[in-house]
Every structure is written in C-alpha cells, then in structure tokens.
Protein backbone atom coordinates (compact mmCIF):
# COMPACT_ATOMS: atom_id res chain seq x y z
CA MET A 1 15.88 20.51 -16.02
CA ASP A 2 15.20 24.22 -16.51
CA TYR A 3 12.47 26.24 -14.81
CA ALA A 4 10.32 26.48 -17.96
CA ALA A 5 10.26 22.69 -18.34
CA ILE A 6 9.23 22.23 -14.70
CA GLU A 7 6.45 24.80 -15.22
CA ARG A 8 5.18 22.85 -18.23
CA ILE A 9 5.09 19.66 -16.20
CA SER A 10 3.27 21.46 -13.36
CA ARG A 11 0.60 22.78 -15.74
CA ARG A 12 0.09 19.32 -17.18
CA VAL A 13 -0.10 17.77 -13.70
CA GLN A 14 -2.71 20.33 -12.63
CA SER A 15 -4.81 19.56 -15.70
CA GLU A 16 -4.60 15.78 -15.31
CA ASN A 17 -4.79 15.04 -11.57
CA GLY A 18 -8.51 15.77 -11.23
CA PHE A 19 -9.41 12.07 -11.27
CA VAL A 20 -8.13 11.80 -7.68
CA ASN A 21 -10.92 14.09 -6.46
CA LEU A 22 -13.46 12.04 -8.44
CA ILE A 23 -12.32 8.83 -6.74
CA THR A 24 -12.28 10.47 -3.31
CA LYS A 25 -15.77 11.90 -3.83
CA GLU A 26 -17.20 8.51 -4.80
CA ILE A 27 -15.60 6.76 -1.83
CA GLY A 28 -16.96 9.58 0.35
CA LYS A 29 -20.47 8.36 -0.43
CA VAL A 30 -19.91 5.45 1.96
CA ILE A 31 -16.81 6.41 3.97
CA ILE A 32 -16.76 9.34 6.36
CA GLY A 33 -13.29 10.59 7.22
CA GLN A 34 -10.25 8.32 6.72
CA GLU A 35 -8.87 10.73 4.11
CA LYS A 36 -5.31 9.62 4.81
CA MET A 37 -6.09 5.93 4.24
CA ILE A 38 -7.92 6.72 1.00
CA GLU A 39 -5.06 8.87 -0.29
CA ARG A 40 -2.48 6.24 0.62
CA ILE A 41 -4.45 3.58 -1.26
CA ILE A 42 -4.55 5.82 -4.35
CA ILE A 43 -0.80 6.48 -4.07
CA ALA A 44 0.01 2.76 -3.82
CA PHE A 45 -2.26 1.94 -6.79
CA MET A 46 -0.65 4.64 -8.95
CA ALA A 47 2.77 3.25 -8.03
CA GLY A 48 1.71 -0.26 -9.03
CA GLY A 49 2.40 -1.39 -5.46
CA HIS A 50 0.63 -3.11 -2.59
CA ILE A 51 -0.42 -1.64 0.75
CA LEU A 52 -0.73 -3.01 4.28
CA LEU A 53 -3.49 -1.46 6.38
CA GLU A 54 -3.14 -1.86 10.13
CA GLY A 55 -6.04 -0.91 12.36
CA LEU A 56 -8.58 -2.15 14.84
CA PRO A 57 -11.78 -3.84 13.66
CA GLY A 58 -14.65 -1.58 12.68
CA LEU A 59 -12.65 1.21 11.05
CA ALA A 60 -14.14 0.66 7.55
CA LYS A 61 -11.02 -0.85 5.99
CA THR A 62 -12.93 -3.48 4.01
CA LEU A 63 -15.65 -1.06 2.93
CA THR A 64 -13.04 1.47 1.79
CA VAL A 65 -11.29 -1.11 -0.37
CA ARG A 66 -14.58 -2.26 -1.92
CA ALA A 67 -15.58 1.33 -2.65
CA PHE A 68 -12.16 2.05 -4.17
CA ALA A 69 -12.37 -0.96 -6.50
CA ARG A 70 -15.86 0.08 -7.64
CA SER A 71 -14.81 3.70 -8.24
CA ILE A 72 -11.99 2.69 -10.60
CA ASP A 73 -14.08 0.01 -12.38
CA THR A 74 -11.96 -3.00 -11.46
CA THR A 75 -12.76 -6.48 -10.22
CA PHE A 76 -12.57 -7.04 -6.47
CA LYS A 77 -12.29 -10.15 -4.32
CA ARG A 78 -11.86 -10.62 -0.61
CA ILE A 79 -10.35 -13.61 1.11
CA GLN A 80 -10.37 -14.15 4.86
CA PHE A 81 -6.98 -15.44 5.93
CA THR A 82 -7.21 -18.17 8.59
CA PRO A 83 -4.73 -20.65 10.11
CA ASP A 84 -6.20 -23.52 8.09
CA LEU A 85 -6.03 -21.70 4.74
CA LEU A 86 -4.19 -23.58 2.00
CA PRO A 87 -2.28 -22.13 -0.98
CA ALA A 88 -4.88 -23.72 -3.27
CA ASP A 89 -7.61 -21.68 -1.55
CA LEU A 90 -5.78 -18.56 -2.68
CA ILE A 91 -4.26 -19.29 -6.08
CA GLY A 92 -6.34 -22.27 -7.25
CA THR A 93 -5.60 -25.91 -7.97
CA ARG A 94 -5.72 -28.73 -10.52
CA ILE A 95 -8.90 -30.84 -10.36
CA TYR A 96 -9.49 -34.21 -11.99
CA ASN A 97 -12.51 -34.48 -14.31
CA PRO A 98 -13.55 -38.15 -14.54
CA LYS A 99 -15.72 -37.48 -17.59
CA ASP A 100 -12.80 -36.23 -19.67
CA MET A 101 -10.27 -38.32 -17.75
CA ASP A 102 -8.08 -35.26 -17.47
CA PHE A 103 -7.17 -32.46 -15.09
CA PHE A 104 -8.37 -28.89 -15.42
CA THR A 105 -7.27 -25.74 -13.62
CA LYS A 106 -9.64 -24.00 -11.24
CA LYS A 107 -8.32 -20.51 -10.60
CA GLY A 108 -8.53 -19.02 -7.12
CA PRO A 109 -9.62 -15.57 -5.89
CA ILE A 110 -6.17 -14.12 -6.52
CA PHE A 111 -7.16 -13.73 -10.17
CA THR A 112 -8.63 -10.27 -9.76
CA ASN A 113 -7.54 -6.64 -10.02
CA VAL A 114 -7.94 -5.69 -6.35
CA LEU A 115 -7.47 -8.41 -3.74
CA LEU A 116 -8.32 -7.75 -0.11
CA ALA A 117 -6.29 -10.08 2.08
CA ASP A 118 -8.16 -9.73 5.36
CA GLU A 119 -6.12 -10.44 8.52
CA ILE A 120 -3.16 -11.50 6.42
CA ASN A 121 -1.06 -12.45 9.45
CA ARG A 122 -3.41 -15.33 10.32
CA ALA A 123 -2.29 -17.50 7.39
CA PRO A 124 0.61 -19.99 7.65
CA ALA A 125 3.95 -19.79 5.83
CA LYS A 126 2.91 -21.81 2.74
CA VAL A 127 0.08 -19.38 1.97
CA GLN A 128 2.36 -16.39 2.53
CA SER A 129 4.87 -17.91 0.14
CA ALA A 130 2.23 -18.31 -2.57
CA LEU A 131 1.11 -14.70 -2.06
CA LEU A 132 4.72 -13.51 -2.17
CA GLN A 133 5.17 -14.83 -5.72
CA ALA A 134 1.98 -13.10 -6.81
CA MET A 135 2.96 -9.77 -5.24
CA GLU A 136 6.47 -9.74 -6.66
CA GLU A 137 6.10 -11.43 -10.07
CA LYS A 138 2.42 -10.69 -10.87
CA GLN A 139 2.00 -14.36 -11.71
CA VAL A 140 1.28 -17.65 -9.93
CA THR A 141 2.19 -21.27 -10.52
CA ILE A 142 -0.52 -23.95 -10.37
CA GLY A 143 0.82 -27.45 -10.90
CA GLU A 144 3.43 -27.14 -13.64
CA GLU A 145 1.81 -24.16 -15.34
CA THR A 146 2.39 -20.46 -14.67
CA PHE A 147 -0.47 -18.00 -15.09
CA PRO A 148 -0.15 -14.21 -15.35
CA LEU A 149 -2.40 -12.22 -13.04
CA SER A 150 -4.83 -9.55 -14.10
CA SER A 151 -3.47 -6.11 -14.90
CA PRO A 152 -3.60 -4.00 -12.84
CA PHE A 153 -3.11 -6.19 -9.77
CA MET A 154 -3.00 -4.86 -6.23
CA VAL A 155 -3.03 -6.51 -2.81
CA LEU A 156 -4.55 -4.56 0.06
CA ALA A 157 -3.85 -6.49 3.23
CA THR A 158 -5.23 -5.81 6.69
CA GLU A 159 -3.98 -6.83 10.09
CA ASN A 160 -5.14 -6.30 13.65
CA PRO A 161 -2.44 -4.63 15.79
CA ILE A 162 -3.59 -5.97 19.15
CA GLU A 163 -4.90 -9.50 18.74
CA GLN A 164 -1.91 -11.80 18.34
CA GLU A 165 -3.43 -15.18 19.28
CA GLY A 166 -3.47 -17.49 16.27
CA THR A 167 -1.33 -15.17 14.13
CA TYR A 168 1.93 -15.67 12.29
CA PRO A 169 4.56 -12.96 11.88
CA LEU A 170 4.86 -11.96 8.22
CA PRO A 171 8.21 -12.86 6.62
CA GLU A 172 10.50 -9.85 6.21
CA ALA A 173 10.79 -10.57 2.48
CA GLN A 174 7.03 -10.30 2.12
CA ILE A 175 6.70 -7.19 4.27
CA ASP A 176 9.29 -5.50 2.06
CA ARG A 177 7.05 -6.12 -0.96
CA PHE A 178 4.41 -3.80 0.47
CA PHE A 179 4.89 -0.38 -1.02
CA MET A 180 3.49 1.25 2.12
CA LYS A 181 2.05 0.42 5.50
CA CYS A 182 -0.75 2.73 6.62
CA LEU A 183 -2.00 2.95 10.20
CA VAL A 184 -5.78 3.41 10.35
CA ASP A 185 -7.00 5.41 13.34
CA TYR A 186 -10.37 6.11 14.94
CA PRO A 187 -12.56 8.84 13.42
CA ASP A 188 -12.80 12.09 15.37
CA GLU A 189 -16.02 13.05 17.19
CA ASP A 190 -17.49 15.06 14.30
CA GLU A 191 -16.82 12.25 11.84
CA GLU A 192 -18.33 9.66 14.18
CA ARG A 193 -21.42 11.85 14.63
CA ASP A 194 -21.76 12.02 10.83
CA ILE A 195 -21.49 8.23 10.68
CA LEU A 196 -24.46 7.93 13.03
CA LEU A 197 -26.50 10.45 11.06
CA ARG A 198 -25.77 8.83 7.69
CA PHE A 199 -25.68 5.19 8.79
CA HIS A 200 -28.94 4.16 7.08
CA GLU A 201 -27.98 5.96 3.86
CA ILE A 202 -24.67 4.16 3.38
CA ASP A 203 -24.93 1.69 0.49
CA ILE A 204 -21.96 0.38 -1.50
CA GLU A 205 -24.21 0.20 -4.58
CA THR A 206 -24.24 4.00 -4.72
CA VAL A 207 -20.53 4.05 -5.56
CA GLU A 208 -20.13 4.30 -9.33
CA PRO A 209 -17.11 3.87 -11.62
CA VAL A 210 -15.64 7.29 -12.36
CA VAL A 211 -12.18 6.41 -13.64
CA ASP A 212 -10.85 3.74 -15.97
CA PRO A 213 -7.78 1.98 -14.54
CA SER A 214 -5.94 2.50 -17.84
CA LEU A 215 -6.24 6.26 -17.32
CA ILE A 216 -4.57 5.92 -13.92
CA GLY A 217 -1.78 4.02 -15.65
CA GLU A 218 -1.33 6.89 -18.08
CA ARG A 219 -1.17 9.37 -15.21
CA ALA A 220 1.39 7.15 -13.49
CA ALA A 221 3.60 7.56 -16.56
CA LEU A 222 3.29 11.34 -16.11
CA VAL A 223 4.47 10.93 -12.50
CA ASP A 224 7.80 9.60 -13.79
CA THR A 225 8.45 12.94 -15.49
CA ILE A 226 8.04 14.96 -12.27
CA TYR A 227 11.33 16.63 -11.46
CA ILE A 228 13.27 15.57 -8.39
CA ASP A 229 16.53 17.38 -7.71
CA GLU A 230 19.74 15.42 -7.21
CA LYS A 231 20.01 16.90 -3.71
CA LEU A 232 16.66 15.32 -2.84
CA LEU A 233 17.78 11.98 -4.27
CA ASN A 234 20.81 12.19 -1.98
CA TYR A 235 18.45 13.09 0.88
CA ILE A 236 16.42 9.93 0.24
CA VAL A 237 19.56 7.78 0.06
CA THR A 238 20.82 9.29 3.32
CA ILE A 239 17.50 8.74 5.11
CA VAL A 240 17.30 5.10 4.06
CA GLY A 241 21.00 4.60 4.77
CA GLN A 242 20.48 5.87 8.32
CA THR A 243 18.05 2.99 8.92
CA ARG A 244 20.92 0.56 8.29
CA ASN A 245 23.87 2.29 9.89
CA PRO A 246 22.76 5.32 11.92
CA ALA A 247 25.37 7.90 12.81
CA ASP A 248 23.68 8.45 16.17
CA PRO A 249 24.72 5.70 18.65
CA LEU A 250 21.28 5.87 20.30
CA LEU A 251 19.53 5.25 16.99
CA ARG A 252 21.99 2.45 16.24
CA SER A 253 20.95 0.72 19.46
CA TYR A 254 17.29 0.93 18.42
CA ILE A 255 17.60 -0.82 15.03
CA ASP A 256 18.40 -4.46 14.37
CA TYR A 257 17.83 -4.33 10.60
CA GLY A 258 17.16 -1.40 8.29
CA ALA A 259 15.47 -0.85 4.94
CA SER A 260 16.55 -2.32 1.61
CA PRO A 261 17.20 -0.36 -1.62
CA ARG A 262 13.59 -1.17 -2.49
CA ALA A 263 12.67 1.38 0.19
CA SER A 264 14.68 4.10 -1.57
CA ILE A 265 12.88 3.42 -4.83
CA ALA A 266 9.50 3.40 -3.08
CA LEU A 267 10.23 6.65 -1.23
CA MET A 268 11.28 8.42 -4.43
CA ARG A 269 8.22 7.20 -6.33
CA ALA A 270 5.84 7.96 -3.46
CA ALA A 271 7.24 11.49 -3.12
CA ARG A 272 6.66 12.07 -6.84
CA ILE A 273 3.06 10.89 -6.54
CA VAL A 274 2.50 13.20 -3.54
CA ALA A 275 3.77 16.08 -5.66
CA PHE A 276 1.37 14.97 -8.43
CA LEU A 277 -1.56 14.97 -6.02
CA ARG A 278 -0.57 18.47 -4.83
CA GLY A 279 -0.50 19.74 -8.43
CA ARG A 280 3.25 20.26 -8.73
CA GLY A 281 5.71 19.17 -11.38
CA PHE A 282 8.55 18.94 -8.89
CA VAL A 283 9.25 17.23 -5.55
CA ASN A 284 10.08 19.23 -2.45
CA PRO A 285 11.46 17.97 0.90
CA ASP A 286 8.01 18.14 2.52
CA ASP A 287 6.72 15.52 0.07
CA ILE A 288 9.43 13.11 1.23
CA LYS A 289 8.80 13.85 4.91
CA GLU A 290 5.03 13.54 4.50
CA ILE A 291 5.15 10.04 3.04
CA GLY A 292 8.40 8.80 4.58
CA VAL A 293 6.95 7.15 7.68
CA ASP A 294 4.38 5.17 5.65
CA VAL A 295 7.09 3.90 3.30
CA LEU A 296 9.65 3.02 5.99
CA ARG A 297 7.80 1.97 9.16
CA HIS A 298 7.38 -1.69 8.14
CA ARG A 299 10.89 -2.00 6.75
CA ILE A 300 12.64 -1.38 10.06
CA ILE A 301 13.09 -4.13 12.63
CA PRO A 302 13.42 -2.52 16.09
CA SER A 303 15.89 -3.94 18.57
CA TYR A 304 15.13 -5.27 22.03
CA GLU A 305 16.38 -1.96 23.44
CA ALA A 306 13.83 -0.05 21.37
CA GLU A 307 10.99 -2.27 22.53
CA ALA A 308 12.15 -1.99 26.14
CA GLU A 309 11.96 1.80 25.84
CA ASP A 310 8.61 1.70 23.98
CA LYS A 311 10.13 3.09 20.81
CA THR A 312 7.99 2.19 17.80
CA PRO A 313 9.22 2.06 14.19
CA ASP A 314 7.36 5.35 13.67
CA ASP A 315 9.36 6.95 16.48
CA ILE A 316 12.59 5.67 14.98
CA VAL A 317 11.79 6.94 11.47
CA ARG A 318 10.92 10.38 12.84
CA MET A 319 14.17 10.43 14.80
CA ILE A 320 16.05 9.65 11.59
CA PHE A 321 14.30 12.44 9.69
CA ASP A 322 15.11 14.85 12.55
CA SER A 323 18.77 13.83 12.48
CA VAL A 324 19.29 14.37 8.73
CA GLU A 325 19.75 17.90 7.41
CA VAL A 326 17.08 18.94 4.90
CA PRO A 327 18.63 20.10 1.59
C-alpha cells in the first residue's frame, strides 16, 4: 500500500473514531478512573470478541459494564455464577404446558447483547460448556433446537484473583475464546478522592445512549482496512511462536503451553483497533506492544518452575517481547 492510500485511511479514521470519546464520556458519568478497563472493553466489542476482567471486589467492574451497555444502546443482563448453577439457568430450558399438552422454550439470560458473567470461575463444567458454545458459535442448543443469539453478542466475565474456595479452573479451550484478559487495579489517591466527593451523584440512569451498535460495526469494518506491514505480521507471528517454543532456555523452562493461532489473529486485530483509537491508518510496533500482554496473558500456562520463581504470565509475556527484535 502506498503512502497516499495510508494517508487517506488515516484521515477517514480521524473523522470516524469520535464515537469512542462519546462512549468514554458517558461512562465517566458514573465511573471515575479505570480508563484502561473501559478502553479494553471498547476494543473487545469492536473486535466482536469477549473479555475477561480480573480484579478484586469493589473496583466498579459491574457498574462499568452496565454503563457501557447503556451508552451503546444494547440490552444487558447479569448472571451470578455459583457452584449450583445449571446450564438451563444460563441458556434456558423446555417447559411442559399442561394446558396445551406441549412443551415450550423458555429462553435464559444469555439471550442479550451484553452478558455479564459475574465470578465466572464459580460455575461447574457443564455450565462452562454451555457458555463455550455461545461464545464460539453465537448460538445455543435447547433440547433439540438451536437458537441464534442476539447480534451483537458479547460476554464480559469477571473473576476474583485471590478467593479460590468454591471455584473451578476455567477450561483452556474456553479461556482461549476470550479476546483479551484485563487486570483491573485500584484507583489512585486522586481518583479515590473524587469517588468520595461524587459518591451521592453517581446514578446509572444518567448514562444515555450515544452510539448505535450498528455504527460500531461499520467502524469495525474500517479497522480491517488499516495498514499493517508484513514485517509487523512477522513480528506478531514470532512473538506468539515464542510462547510455544522459546529460543531462550530460561523462557522455555517457564512455559508449559503457549498460545494458539487464535492469539495471533487477536493480536493483529487488537493492534489495528489500537491504531484506530489513536487516529492512525497504520499499525506501528508500539500498538502491538501496548496490547500484547492483554491478548496473551491468559493464553500462556506457566510451568511449575515459573510459579516457584513467582513469574506471572505477564512477566513471561514481557520477557518474550524484550527478547524479540522490533522491526
């Protein structure tokens, strides 16, 4: 692609990415700080993917998701995952009607645009399996009938990083279906002070729809035209490849299993969306590095050696980025 074409794409991107600021401003009516989480949610939605939010209780994860769904004028449902949850509680079931002497289908809360799966790792394997079909195929099977889900459809799942009693590890196949995993941290002192000052003013009803979801879909199509050089594609392939078979013996000892090709696709698409948000019609290496940890951290299974040395998946991903030459 020549320079003039990239310039045309950049001008179009700059004229059409303003909706991101509108969404952020609306969410800012009820959420103070957490800019990274909000941006990551927008990126995952534009990519048509799902996102896993990991953070301690009280960090406004649920409120952020509710505000996001209201700002883009979509339906929203929340389901609390518990050890006694059944697949029918999530997707629905067939119920017998004695009056008509026939069965009818009662759809579950998964039939929505934005689904908040709160404490997703508390549900047993059968529920996770039902959710896996929905996340991957955008449809669910109830009885002998298959129903398509709403479009758009996005799962935002939360999990608590410290409380492990009564939890189930998520299957690797399901974790891989999450486009990104975002770590939610505490607000800084200034942000927490603002929370105290504005606490009585915060009302989810003040958040208004500012963007139609179909418009976001149109902008997502524009993202696909953003230029990414072949050298950067090779860079992405090398980064993901190093999670499977690192050249560094130390890194190799830290990783049991690496990322699948789905990670390469996600990293390329996420980098393009970052470039879109920054108003550029081309991807640069910083876009890949900025979003790389969020795309890869949940797709790496650390070894016993890594855990023994307190090396987290984030540490490992950063070591990989440091070991690969930037084009």
